[in-house]
Amino acid sequence: MIPFLRALFVVENCQLSQHYTCMCGYSLLRDPQYNKGLAFTEKERDAHYLRGLLPPTVSTQQLQEKKLMNSIRQYEVPLQKYVSMMDLQARISTHYGHIEHHEISYSLVFLVHGAMIHVKLSTKYGSGGLSALNYFLIEERNERLFYKLLIDNVEELLPVVYTPTVGEACQKYGSIFRRPQGLYISLKEKGKILEVLKNWPERSIQVIVVTDGERILGLGDLGGQFEDFANHNAFELLAKYGTTHLVFNDYIQGTASVVLAGVVAALKLIGGSLAEHTFLFLGAGEAGTGIAELIALEMSKQAKTPIEESRKKIWFVDSKGLIVSSGKNSLQRLKKLWAHEHEPVNSLLEAVKVIKPTVLIGSSGVGRTFTKEVIEAMASNNDVKPYLTPVKPLIVALSNPASHSECTAEEAYQWSEGRAIFASGSPFDPIEYKGKVYASGQANNAYIFPGFGLGMVISGAIRVHDDMLLAASKQVSEENYKKGLIYPPFSNIRKISANIAANVAAKAYELGLATRRPRPQNLVKYAESCMYTHVYRNYR
């Protein structure tokens, strides 16, 4: 499971100030759901037979978090942080050594995916000599501390545990693998899948993340509910089960919802309605066509026109050029909807010049395809759109990791002479151009799928409806327009997710797809009450 998923929407039915547990001793220390490490109080250590199993000091969760962040920040390379944290999940053996300093007393804390290692080293020396260095090495797996760390430092750590670092981790997964973190079903398990599923230790399961890995790094991560299937499988599975089962494909539906949210927000900066804009996509895979279909759906609802008419405002360029009707018979099924009447066009640059899009979206997975000439053509296209004030092209480079991004934020701003509104799948630092600082937005699915999943859970929805995706997209973008941002900061992700959950749940009730009764009077407050709490429990 993507690590921050639990932090955002795992439903907890019992959040008591005093919690009873029958575990004690090392069993308690080794259970990540209950362990608090050095934060166990003196009374708790006596009551649960922890006396002597922990160093004789009591810490707070806040201090643990501070020490952990200090340790993580010692690493300069993001993948090194990722790999080092993975390595520190394993049990550490005791070491002895000598050191030439007079006094050392410090703590190192490392944690990833719910497992944390707290290493406390301390030694004191005489005035002129050396003594043995004592190491107090405690293996800790501490879920609540991990998620507190992630929630409180989400803007700093999200690029490490998610896009873009996780893309590099996918590429090098065979080299950095240390321990399994999921359920694996291969051809060897054919005919034994039920037995495999029974081996999973948890029984109360609310969300399952499934992938066959065929499209990992298409836009780049390790899966989100049901994704990273190759195009021919992804659409077939969604079409087969979408009307009868509660399934959600993050590449097709989640990416579409978050991009639509950014596009709708961008209208406040570039002017016009959806129907007044022309869209050009580079890449006609599951992500791109999913985005296009949701944009067309929202456009048709706003303009009160058939969706077939809305699709005519959206064009695609694939590896063979502009998708046009003359080549319709040879196209994959998912591309045929976007094959319009036009002369063949061989390149993206030529397509930009003849189609004159106001919105350019990249979902190709190929880096640096939005060249200087393409960006300059996008900027000049908007000069002939009288209803667009001010003149600003919207450029969205979705592909991950950053090396696969169709262009960088710096390229988009410089080549458009500061006129572009830019968003990307990977995060980019703010850019200064001609004395002005430009901050780009990140079109990250993390804005959508945690809140969307929570909305499904709290409403007891029986299936996903397109109107739920539209409801989710309307809650993402809300501020920072003066900076040219079309997405809010991730520091507000819990609040955003609660609002999305409430909107999605409300739409489920409206469509008659919700099964949890009675409906809560205040869905936002109910969503917040059901979110995972990272604060330590007090044990009796």
Protein backbone atom coordinates (compact mmCIF):
# COMPACT_ATOMS: atom_id res chain seq x y z
CA MET A 1 0.00 0.00 0.00
CA ILE A 2 1.21 3.50 -0.76
CA PRO A 3 2.47 4.58 2.67
CA PHE A 4 0.44 7.76 3.13
CA LEU A 5 -2.79 6.05 2.09
CA ARG A 6 -3.47 4.82 5.63
CA ALA A 7 -2.57 8.18 7.07
CA LEU A 8 -5.37 9.77 5.13
CA PHE A 9 -8.35 7.48 5.24
CA VAL A 10 -8.15 4.31 7.32
CA VAL A 11 -11.38 4.25 9.30
CA GLU A 12 -10.89 3.83 13.03
CA ASN A 13 -14.06 2.95 14.88
CA CYS A 14 -12.59 3.34 18.34
CA GLN A 15 -10.46 6.29 19.32
CA LEU A 16 -10.33 6.22 23.09
CA SER A 17 -8.12 8.22 25.40
CA GLN A 18 -7.52 5.04 27.40
CA HIS A 19 -6.83 1.89 25.41
CA TYR A 20 -6.74 -1.66 26.74
CA THR A 21 -4.27 -4.18 25.36
CA CYS A 22 -3.37 -7.65 26.56
CA MET A 23 0.05 -7.54 24.92
CA CYS A 24 3.15 -7.02 26.98
CA GLY A 25 6.91 -7.16 26.86
CA TYR A 26 8.63 -7.65 23.54
CA SER A 27 5.34 -8.60 21.88
CA LEU A 28 4.09 -5.07 22.52
CA LEU A 29 7.35 -3.46 21.38
CA ARG A 30 7.29 -5.46 18.15
CA ASP A 31 3.69 -4.71 17.22
CA PRO A 32 3.72 -1.63 14.95
CA GLN A 33 0.10 -0.75 15.68
CA TYR A 34 0.65 -0.45 19.45
CA ASN A 35 4.33 0.25 19.94
CA LYS A 36 5.33 3.72 21.14
CA GLY A 37 9.03 3.13 21.71
CA LEU A 38 10.52 5.49 24.26
CA ALA A 39 7.16 7.25 24.61
CA PHE A 40 5.83 4.53 26.92
CA THR A 41 5.29 6.17 30.31
CA GLU A 42 6.72 4.82 33.57
CA LYS A 43 3.28 3.45 34.53
CA GLU A 44 2.84 1.79 31.14
CA ARG A 45 6.28 0.17 31.40
CA ASP A 46 5.34 -1.35 34.74
CA ALA A 47 1.85 -2.41 33.69
CA HIS A 48 3.02 -4.09 30.47
CA TYR A 49 6.31 -5.61 31.64
CA LEU A 50 8.50 -3.24 29.65
CA ARG A 51 10.79 -2.28 32.53
CA GLY A 52 14.36 -2.91 31.42
CA LEU A 53 13.38 -3.55 27.81
CA LEU A 54 13.72 0.13 26.99
CA PRO A 55 16.43 2.66 27.85
CA PRO A 56 15.60 4.45 31.13
CA THR A 57 14.27 7.60 29.54
CA VAL A 58 10.79 8.69 28.54
CA SER A 59 10.36 10.66 25.35
CA THR A 60 7.42 12.35 23.65
CA GLN A 61 6.09 11.64 20.19
CA GLN A 62 7.06 15.18 19.18
CA LEU A 63 10.67 14.64 20.26
CA GLN A 64 10.78 11.28 18.50
CA GLU A 65 9.56 12.96 15.34
CA LYS A 66 12.14 15.73 15.60
CA LYS A 67 15.01 13.26 16.03
CA LEU A 68 13.78 11.15 13.15
CA MET A 69 13.55 14.12 10.80
CA ASN A 70 17.05 15.26 11.78
CA SER A 71 18.37 11.82 10.87
CA ILE A 72 16.54 11.64 7.55
CA ARG A 73 17.83 15.07 6.53
CA GLN A 74 21.41 13.85 6.79
CA TYR A 75 20.96 12.10 3.44
CA GLU A 76 21.33 14.26 0.34
CA VAL A 77 20.21 11.81 -2.37
CA PRO A 78 16.46 10.99 -2.28
CA LEU A 79 16.93 7.36 -3.31
CA GLN A 80 19.59 7.02 -0.61
CA LYS A 81 16.97 8.12 1.92
CA TYR A 82 14.57 5.58 0.50
CA VAL A 83 17.11 2.73 0.45
CA SER A 84 18.55 3.57 3.86
CA MET A 85 15.13 3.57 5.45
CA MET A 86 14.34 0.24 3.79
CA ASP A 87 17.60 -1.23 5.11
CA LEU A 88 16.79 -0.09 8.62
CA GLN A 89 13.67 -2.22 8.75
CA ALA A 90 15.78 -5.26 9.52
CA ARG A 91 16.88 -6.22 13.03
CA ILE A 92 20.17 -4.61 14.02
CA SER A 93 22.74 -6.56 15.97
CA THR A 94 24.70 -5.11 18.88
CA HIS A 95 28.14 -3.66 18.19
CA TYR A 96 30.92 -2.55 20.45
CA GLY A 97 33.68 -0.14 19.69
CA HIS A 98 35.89 2.69 20.85
CA ILE A 99 35.80 6.33 20.02
CA GLU A 100 38.23 9.13 20.70
CA HIS A 101 35.79 11.86 21.72
CA HIS A 102 35.23 12.56 25.40
CA GLU A 103 31.46 12.31 25.47
CA ILE A 104 28.72 11.22 23.10
CA SER A 105 24.99 10.98 23.71
CA TYR A 106 22.62 11.07 20.78
CA SER A 107 19.75 9.25 19.08
CA LEU A 108 19.14 8.08 15.54
CA VAL A 109 15.65 7.18 14.46
CA PHE A 110 14.71 5.67 11.11
CA LEU A 111 11.37 4.53 9.79
CA VAL A 112 9.69 3.53 6.57
CA HIS A 113 6.41 1.89 5.59
CA GLY A 114 5.35 1.55 9.20
CA ALA A 115 8.62 0.14 10.49
CA MET A 116 10.92 2.23 12.63
CA ILE A 117 14.32 1.65 14.12
CA HIS A 118 15.37 3.78 17.05
CA VAL A 119 19.07 3.56 17.87
CA LYS A 120 20.27 5.28 21.02
CA LEU A 121 23.99 5.47 21.50
CA SER A 122 25.55 6.84 24.65
CA THR A 123 28.93 6.78 26.30
CA LYS A 124 30.86 8.75 28.89
CA TYR A 125 34.58 8.88 29.25
CA GLY A 126 36.94 9.61 32.09
CA SER A 127 39.03 12.72 32.12
CA GLY A 128 41.94 11.13 30.32
CA GLY A 129 41.02 7.69 29.10
CA LEU A 130 38.60 5.66 26.96
CA SER A 131 36.00 3.17 27.98
CA ALA A 132 33.81 0.74 26.09
CA LEU A 133 31.11 2.32 23.96
CA ASN A 134 27.70 1.03 24.97
CA TYR A 135 25.06 0.76 22.30
CA PHE A 136 21.41 0.52 23.19
CA LEU A 137 19.86 -0.83 20.03
CA ILE A 138 16.12 -1.29 19.99
CA GLU A 139 14.18 -2.43 16.95
CA GLU A 140 10.96 -0.47 16.79
CA ARG A 141 8.10 -0.77 14.35
CA ASN A 142 5.94 2.17 15.08
CA GLU A 143 3.10 2.99 12.69
CA ARG A 144 1.75 6.03 14.47
CA LEU A 145 5.11 7.74 14.65
CA PHE A 146 5.71 7.02 10.98
CA TYR A 147 2.42 8.54 9.91
CA LYS A 148 2.81 11.50 12.23
CA LEU A 149 6.16 12.12 10.62
CA LEU A 150 4.65 11.90 7.16
CA ILE A 151 1.58 13.99 7.91
CA ASP A 152 3.51 16.76 9.68
CA ASN A 153 6.21 16.87 6.99
CA VAL A 154 4.21 15.83 3.95
CA GLU A 155 5.61 18.41 1.53
CA GLU A 156 9.17 17.38 2.38
CA LEU A 157 8.68 13.61 2.55
CA LEU A 158 6.06 12.97 -0.11
CA PRO A 159 8.67 13.28 -2.91
CA VAL A 160 10.69 10.60 -1.09
CA VAL A 161 7.98 7.99 -0.48
CA TYR A 162 6.01 8.83 -3.63
CA THR A 163 6.59 10.70 -6.89
CA PRO A 164 9.30 11.19 -8.07
CA THR A 165 11.64 9.04 -5.94
CA VAL A 166 9.37 6.01 -6.01
CA GLY A 167 9.75 5.96 -9.79
CA GLU A 168 13.49 5.44 -9.45
CA ALA A 169 12.81 2.90 -6.70
CA CYS A 170 10.62 0.96 -9.16
CA GLN A 171 13.41 0.91 -11.70
CA LYS A 172 15.89 -0.39 -9.15
CA TYR A 173 13.49 -2.47 -7.07
CA GLY A 174 15.39 -5.72 -7.64
CA SER A 175 18.52 -4.16 -6.18
CA ILE A 176 16.93 -2.48 -3.16
CA PHE A 177 14.47 -5.24 -2.19
CA ARG A 178 14.84 -6.15 1.47
CA ARG A 179 11.56 -7.64 2.68
CA PRO A 180 8.11 -8.33 1.20
CA GLN A 181 5.43 -5.71 1.77
CA GLY A 182 2.36 -7.11 0.15
CA LEU A 183 0.68 -10.19 -1.25
CA TYR A 184 2.18 -11.71 -4.40
CA ILE A 185 0.14 -13.85 -6.80
CA SER A 186 2.02 -15.38 -9.72
CA LEU A 187 1.36 -18.08 -12.31
CA LYS A 188 2.69 -20.57 -9.78
CA GLU A 189 -0.40 -19.88 -7.68
CA LYS A 190 -2.84 -20.74 -10.48
CA GLY A 191 -5.69 -22.66 -8.89
CA LYS A 192 -4.54 -21.68 -5.40
CA ILE A 193 -5.47 -18.00 -5.27
CA LEU A 194 -7.98 -18.45 -2.44
CA GLU A 195 -5.28 -20.14 -0.36
CA VAL A 196 -2.93 -17.23 -1.05
CA LEU A 197 -5.54 -14.68 -0.01
CA LYS A 198 -6.18 -16.58 3.23
CA ASN A 199 -2.49 -16.23 4.09
CA TRP A 200 -2.87 -12.46 4.52
CA PRO A 201 -2.87 -11.79 8.30
CA GLU A 202 -5.38 -8.91 8.35
CA ARG A 203 -9.11 -9.66 8.35
CA SER A 204 -10.69 -6.20 8.37
CA ILE A 205 -9.83 -5.00 4.86
CA GLN A 206 -11.33 -1.83 3.40
CA VAL A 207 -9.13 -1.02 0.42
CA ILE A 208 -7.04 -3.31 -1.78
CA VAL A 209 -4.29 -1.99 -4.08
CA VAL A 210 -3.82 -4.25 -7.11
CA THR A 211 -1.35 -4.11 -10.00
CA ASP A 212 0.17 -6.55 -12.48
CA GLY A 213 3.07 -4.15 -13.02
CA GLU A 214 2.77 -3.96 -16.80
CA ARG A 215 2.59 -0.16 -16.86
CA ILE A 216 4.73 0.78 -13.87
CA LEU A 217 6.52 4.00 -14.79
CA GLY A 218 4.05 4.77 -17.54
CA LEU A 219 3.53 7.80 -15.35
CA GLY A 220 5.40 6.18 -12.53
CA ASP A 221 4.60 4.62 -9.15
CA LEU A 222 3.82 1.37 -7.39
CA GLY A 223 0.05 1.21 -7.79
CA GLY A 224 -3.02 3.00 -6.46
CA GLN A 225 -6.17 0.89 -5.73
CA PHE A 226 -6.14 -0.78 -9.21
CA GLU A 227 -3.65 0.53 -11.77
CA ASP A 228 -0.46 0.07 -13.79
CA PHE A 229 -2.17 -2.52 -15.96
CA ALA A 230 -1.31 -2.34 -19.67
CA ASN A 231 -3.82 -0.44 -21.80
CA HIS A 232 -5.54 -3.47 -23.29
CA ASN A 233 -6.10 -4.95 -19.83
CA ALA A 234 -6.85 -1.76 -17.88
CA PHE A 235 -9.79 -0.63 -20.00
CA GLU A 236 -11.18 -4.14 -20.41
CA LEU A 237 -11.09 -4.79 -16.67
CA LEU A 238 -12.67 -1.45 -15.87
CA ALA A 239 -15.40 -1.98 -18.46
CA LYS A 240 -16.03 -5.54 -17.27
CA TYR A 241 -16.23 -4.89 -13.53
CA GLY A 242 -16.90 -1.16 -13.21
CA THR A 243 -20.69 -1.51 -13.35
CA THR A 244 -20.95 -4.46 -11.01
CA HIS A 245 -18.09 -4.13 -8.50
CA LEU A 246 -16.48 -1.37 -6.46
CA VAL A 247 -13.33 -0.83 -8.53
CA PHE A 248 -11.34 2.31 -9.22
CA ASN A 249 -8.45 2.61 -11.67
CA ASP A 250 -6.16 5.38 -10.51
CA TYR A 251 -4.37 5.84 -13.82
CA ILE A 252 -7.59 6.19 -15.80
CA GLN A 253 -9.93 7.74 -13.23
CA GLY A 254 -7.70 9.23 -10.53
CA THR A 255 -5.34 10.98 -12.94
CA ALA A 256 -8.34 12.23 -14.92
CA SER A 257 -9.95 13.72 -11.85
CA VAL A 258 -6.85 15.54 -10.61
CA VAL A 259 -6.03 16.95 -14.06
CA LEU A 260 -9.62 18.09 -14.58
CA ALA A 261 -9.42 19.86 -11.22
CA GLY A 262 -6.31 21.70 -12.35
CA VAL A 263 -7.82 22.62 -15.71
CA VAL A 264 -10.99 23.98 -14.08
CA ALA A 265 -8.88 25.98 -11.63
CA ALA A 266 -6.71 27.30 -14.46
CA LEU A 267 -9.76 28.82 -16.15
CA LYS A 268 -9.68 31.53 -13.50
CA LEU A 269 -6.21 32.46 -14.77
CA ILE A 270 -6.56 31.96 -18.53
CA GLY A 271 -10.23 32.83 -18.95
CA GLY A 272 -13.02 31.18 -20.90
CA SER A 273 -15.05 28.04 -20.25
CA LEU A 274 -14.01 24.47 -20.96
CA ALA A 275 -15.92 24.48 -24.24
CA GLU A 276 -14.03 27.59 -25.41
CA HIS A 277 -10.68 25.83 -25.18
CA THR A 278 -8.95 23.37 -27.48
CA PHE A 279 -7.00 20.50 -25.89
CA LEU A 280 -4.05 18.63 -27.36
CA PHE A 281 -2.63 15.52 -25.70
CA LEU A 282 0.75 13.94 -26.31
CA GLY A 283 0.32 10.25 -25.50
CA ALA A 284 -2.89 8.29 -26.07
CA GLY A 285 -2.58 5.67 -23.36
CA GLU A 286 -4.88 4.87 -20.46
CA ALA A 287 -3.98 8.02 -18.52
CA GLY A 288 -4.36 10.44 -21.42
CA THR A 289 -7.61 9.02 -22.78
CA GLY A 290 -9.04 8.78 -19.28
CA ILE A 291 -8.30 12.47 -18.67
CA ALA A 292 -9.78 13.43 -22.02
CA GLU A 293 -13.00 11.53 -21.42
CA LEU A 294 -13.58 13.16 -18.04
CA ILE A 295 -12.84 16.62 -19.47
CA ALA A 296 -15.31 15.91 -22.29
CA LEU A 297 -17.91 14.74 -19.78
CA GLU A 298 -17.58 17.90 -17.67
CA MET A 299 -17.55 20.05 -20.81
CA SER A 300 -20.78 18.45 -22.04
CA LYS A 301 -22.45 18.97 -18.66
CA GLN A 302 -21.41 22.64 -18.52
CA ALA A 303 -22.37 23.40 -22.12
CA LYS A 304 -25.40 21.08 -22.12
CA THR A 305 -24.24 19.46 -25.36
CA PRO A 306 -23.73 15.79 -26.32
CA ILE A 307 -20.42 14.37 -25.21
CA GLU A 308 -19.66 13.51 -28.85
CA GLU A 309 -19.53 17.24 -29.58
CA SER A 310 -17.25 17.87 -26.60
CA ARG A 311 -14.81 15.20 -27.78
CA LYS A 312 -14.25 17.21 -30.97
CA LYS A 313 -12.46 19.85 -28.89
CA ILE A 314 -9.86 17.31 -27.79
CA TRP A 315 -7.03 16.01 -30.01
CA PHE A 316 -4.30 13.43 -29.56
CA VAL A 317 -0.79 12.96 -30.89
CA ASP A 318 0.77 9.53 -30.50
CA SER A 319 4.04 8.06 -31.75
CA LYS A 320 2.72 8.13 -35.34
CA GLY A 321 1.46 11.71 -35.30
CA LEU A 322 -1.94 13.35 -34.98
CA ILE A 323 -4.75 10.83 -34.54
CA VAL A 324 -7.16 11.43 -37.44
CA SER A 325 -10.16 9.63 -38.86
CA SER A 326 -8.39 8.49 -42.04
CA GLY A 327 -6.40 5.98 -39.96
CA LYS A 328 -9.30 4.97 -37.74
CA ASN A 329 -9.47 1.35 -38.87
CA SER A 330 -5.93 0.65 -37.68
CA LEU A 331 -6.33 2.35 -34.29
CA GLN A 332 -6.73 0.71 -30.90
CA ARG A 333 -10.27 0.90 -29.56
CA LEU A 334 -9.42 3.50 -26.90
CA LYS A 335 -8.04 5.85 -29.59
CA LYS A 336 -10.94 5.67 -32.04
CA LEU A 337 -13.10 8.11 -30.06
CA TRP A 338 -10.46 10.81 -30.63
CA ALA A 339 -9.90 10.33 -34.35
CA HIS A 340 -11.28 13.52 -35.95
CA GLU A 341 -11.45 14.77 -39.52
CA HIS A 342 -8.12 16.34 -40.44
CA GLU A 343 -5.20 15.97 -42.76
CA PRO A 344 -2.40 13.74 -41.42
CA VAL A 345 0.11 15.57 -39.24
CA ASN A 346 3.40 13.89 -38.44
CA SER A 347 4.82 15.79 -35.46
CA LEU A 348 3.73 17.41 -32.21
CA LEU A 349 5.10 20.79 -33.30
CA GLU A 350 3.15 20.71 -36.54
CA ALA A 351 0.02 19.64 -34.64
CA VAL A 352 0.39 22.58 -32.22
CA LYS A 353 0.67 24.97 -35.17
CA VAL A 354 -2.37 23.68 -37.07
CA ILE A 355 -4.72 22.68 -34.22
CA LYS A 356 -3.78 25.78 -32.19
CA PRO A 357 -4.54 24.30 -28.76
CA THR A 358 -4.84 26.48 -25.69
CA VAL A 359 -4.15 23.52 -23.37
CA LEU A 360 -1.27 21.08 -23.93
CA ILE A 361 -1.17 17.91 -21.79
CA GLY A 362 1.66 15.38 -21.82
CA SER A 363 1.07 11.77 -20.77
CA SER A 364 3.61 10.14 -23.05
CA GLY A 365 6.19 8.92 -20.56
CA VAL A 366 8.89 10.38 -22.83
CA GLY A 367 11.03 13.19 -21.48
CA ARG A 368 11.72 16.57 -23.13
CA THR A 369 9.13 16.16 -25.90
CA PHE A 370 7.74 19.63 -25.20
CA THR A 371 10.60 21.35 -27.01
CA LYS A 372 11.38 25.05 -27.11
CA GLU A 373 9.64 25.31 -30.49
CA VAL A 374 6.52 23.58 -29.13
CA ILE A 375 6.29 25.87 -26.08
CA GLU A 376 6.88 28.97 -28.20
CA ALA A 377 4.14 27.84 -30.59
CA MET A 378 1.76 27.32 -27.65
CA ALA A 379 2.46 30.85 -26.42
CA SER A 380 1.86 32.38 -29.86
CA ASN A 381 -1.35 30.39 -30.38
CA ASN A 382 -3.06 32.22 -27.56
CA ASP A 383 -2.51 35.59 -29.24
CA VAL A 384 -5.42 34.82 -31.59
CA LYS A 385 -7.90 33.92 -28.84
CA PRO A 386 -9.67 37.20 -28.03
CA TYR A 387 -11.68 35.76 -25.13
CA LEU A 388 -8.52 34.74 -23.23
CA THR A 389 -7.40 37.50 -20.87
CA PRO A 390 -4.61 37.47 -19.91
CA VAL A 391 -2.94 35.50 -22.71
CA LYS A 392 -1.63 32.36 -21.00
CA PRO A 393 -1.26 28.82 -22.37
CA LEU A 394 -1.84 25.94 -19.96
CA ILE A 395 0.92 23.33 -20.14
CA VAL A 396 0.71 20.14 -18.09
CA ALA A 397 3.64 17.68 -18.18
CA LEU A 398 2.40 14.62 -16.32
CA SER A 399 5.03 11.96 -16.95
CA ASN A 400 7.17 10.69 -14.07
CA PRO A 401 9.85 10.64 -12.80
CA ALA A 402 11.26 14.11 -13.49
CA SER A 403 13.62 12.71 -16.13
CA HIS A 404 10.53 11.57 -18.08
CA SER A 405 8.69 14.87 -17.75
CA GLU A 406 7.77 16.35 -21.13
CA CYS A 407 9.44 19.57 -20.02
CA THR A 408 10.64 21.18 -16.81
CA ALA A 409 9.09 24.16 -15.06
CA GLU A 410 12.11 26.28 -15.99
CA GLU A 411 11.74 25.40 -19.67
CA ALA A 412 8.00 26.11 -19.68
CA TYR A 413 8.39 29.55 -18.09
CA GLN A 414 11.47 30.65 -20.01
CA TRP A 415 10.35 29.48 -23.44
CA SER A 416 6.89 31.01 -22.99
CA GLU A 417 8.46 34.21 -21.66
CA GLY A 418 6.72 33.76 -18.33
CA ARG A 419 3.24 33.47 -19.86
CA ALA A 420 2.58 29.74 -19.30
CA ILE A 421 0.52 28.28 -16.49
CA PHE A 422 2.46 25.12 -15.72
CA ALA A 423 1.78 21.95 -13.76
CA SER A 424 3.55 18.62 -13.73
CA GLY A 425 3.44 15.10 -12.38
CA SER A 426 6.81 15.49 -10.65
CA PRO A 427 7.52 18.40 -8.32
CA PHE A 428 9.77 21.23 -9.49
CA ASP A 429 11.30 24.03 -7.45
CA PRO A 430 10.07 27.61 -7.96
CA ILE A 431 11.69 29.39 -10.90
CA GLU A 432 12.79 33.02 -11.13
CA TYR A 433 12.36 34.60 -14.54
CA LYS A 434 13.01 38.30 -15.22
CA GLY A 435 12.72 39.18 -11.55
CA LYS A 436 9.49 37.27 -10.93
CA VAL A 437 9.20 33.96 -9.05
CA TYR A 438 7.00 31.31 -10.64
CA ALA A 439 5.76 28.36 -8.55
CA SER A 440 4.37 25.42 -10.50
CA GLY A 441 1.68 23.04 -9.32
CA GLN A 442 1.96 19.27 -9.03
CA ALA A 443 -0.84 17.30 -10.68
CA ASN A 444 -0.48 14.48 -8.19
CA ASN A 445 -3.06 11.72 -7.82
CA ALA A 446 -2.47 11.90 -4.08
CA TYR A 447 -4.87 14.84 -4.10
CA ILE A 448 -7.67 12.54 -5.22
CA PHE A 449 -7.48 8.84 -4.43
CA PRO A 450 -7.14 8.95 -0.62
CA GLY A 451 -10.18 11.20 -0.26
CA PHE A 452 -12.00 9.31 -2.97
CA GLY A 453 -11.37 6.02 -1.19
CA LEU A 454 -12.52 7.47 2.11
CA GLY A 455 -15.73 8.68 0.46
CA MET A 456 -16.37 5.17 -0.81
CA VAL A 457 -15.76 3.64 2.60
CA ILE A 458 -17.85 6.03 4.71
CA SER A 459 -20.81 5.86 2.32
CA GLY A 460 -20.61 2.13 1.70
CA ALA A 461 -20.78 2.80 -2.04
CA ILE A 462 -21.39 -0.27 -4.16
CA ARG A 463 -19.67 1.07 -7.29
CA VAL A 464 -17.94 4.11 -8.79
CA HIS A 465 -19.93 6.50 -10.97
CA ASP A 466 -18.41 9.14 -13.26
CA ASP A 467 -20.32 11.84 -11.38
CA MET A 468 -18.32 10.89 -8.28
CA LEU A 469 -15.11 11.65 -10.18
CA LEU A 470 -16.48 15.03 -11.16
CA ALA A 471 -17.48 15.67 -7.54
CA ALA A 472 -13.96 14.79 -6.39
CA SER A 473 -12.28 17.06 -8.93
CA LYS A 474 -14.20 20.13 -7.76
CA GLN A 475 -12.58 20.07 -4.31
CA VAL A 476 -8.90 20.10 -5.22
CA SER A 477 -7.94 23.56 -6.38
CA GLU A 478 -8.86 26.52 -4.24
CA GLU A 479 -6.05 28.98 -3.62
CA ASN A 480 -2.70 30.50 -4.57
CA TYR A 481 -3.93 31.90 -7.89
CA LYS A 482 -1.78 34.99 -7.48
CA LYS A 483 1.29 32.74 -7.67
CA GLY A 484 -0.03 31.03 -10.77
CA LEU A 485 -0.73 27.83 -8.84
CA ILE A 486 -3.65 25.65 -9.85
CA TYR A 487 -3.19 23.14 -7.01
CA PRO A 488 -3.13 23.85 -3.27
CA PRO A 489 -0.12 22.95 -1.09
CA PHE A 490 0.12 19.38 0.16
CA SER A 491 0.27 20.66 3.71
CA ASN A 492 -3.55 20.90 3.44
CA ILE A 493 -3.98 17.36 2.13
CA ARG A 494 -5.95 16.05 5.12
CA LYS A 495 -8.48 18.89 4.88
CA ILE A 496 -8.69 18.48 1.10
CA SER A 497 -9.20 14.73 1.45
CA ALA A 498 -11.99 15.19 4.00
CA ASN A 499 -13.81 17.58 1.66
CA ILE A 500 -13.36 15.25 -1.30
CA ALA A 501 -14.63 12.32 0.77
CA ALA A 502 -17.70 14.30 1.79
CA ASN A 503 -18.45 15.30 -1.82
CA VAL A 504 -17.98 11.78 -3.11
CA ALA A 505 -20.10 10.32 -0.33
CA ALA A 506 -22.82 12.91 -0.95
CA LYS A 507 -22.90 11.99 -4.62
CA ALA A 508 -23.10 8.29 -3.71
CA TYR A 509 -26.16 8.98 -1.55
CA GLU A 510 -27.68 11.16 -4.28
CA LEU A 511 -27.24 8.42 -6.90
CA GLY A 512 -28.62 5.71 -4.63
CA LEU A 513 -25.30 3.87 -4.54
CA ALA A 514 -24.62 4.26 -0.77
CA THR A 515 -25.43 1.47 1.67
CA ARG A 516 -24.43 2.98 5.02
CA ARG A 517 -27.53 4.24 6.80
CA PRO A 518 -28.52 6.61 8.17
CA ARG A 519 -26.63 9.24 6.21
CA PRO A 520 -24.49 11.42 8.52
CA GLN A 521 -25.80 14.97 8.83
CA ASN A 522 -22.36 16.53 8.38
CA LEU A 523 -20.32 14.43 5.96
CA VAL A 524 -17.16 16.55 6.32
CA LYS A 525 -17.04 16.14 10.10
CA TYR A 526 -17.89 12.46 9.77
CA ALA A 527 -15.07 11.98 7.25
CA GLU A 528 -12.64 13.73 9.58
CA SER A 529 -13.72 11.54 12.50
CA CYS A 530 -13.04 8.42 10.44
CA MET A 531 -9.54 9.40 9.38
CA TYR A 532 -6.52 7.69 10.86
CA THR A 533 -5.19 9.31 14.00
CA HIS A 534 -1.43 9.34 14.41
CA VAL A 535 -1.51 10.42 18.06
CA TYR A 536 -0.32 7.80 20.53
CA ARG A 537 -2.85 5.92 22.62
CA ASN A 538 -2.60 5.82 26.39
CA TYR A 539 -2.53 2.25 27.72
CA ARG A 540 -4.00 0.93 30.95
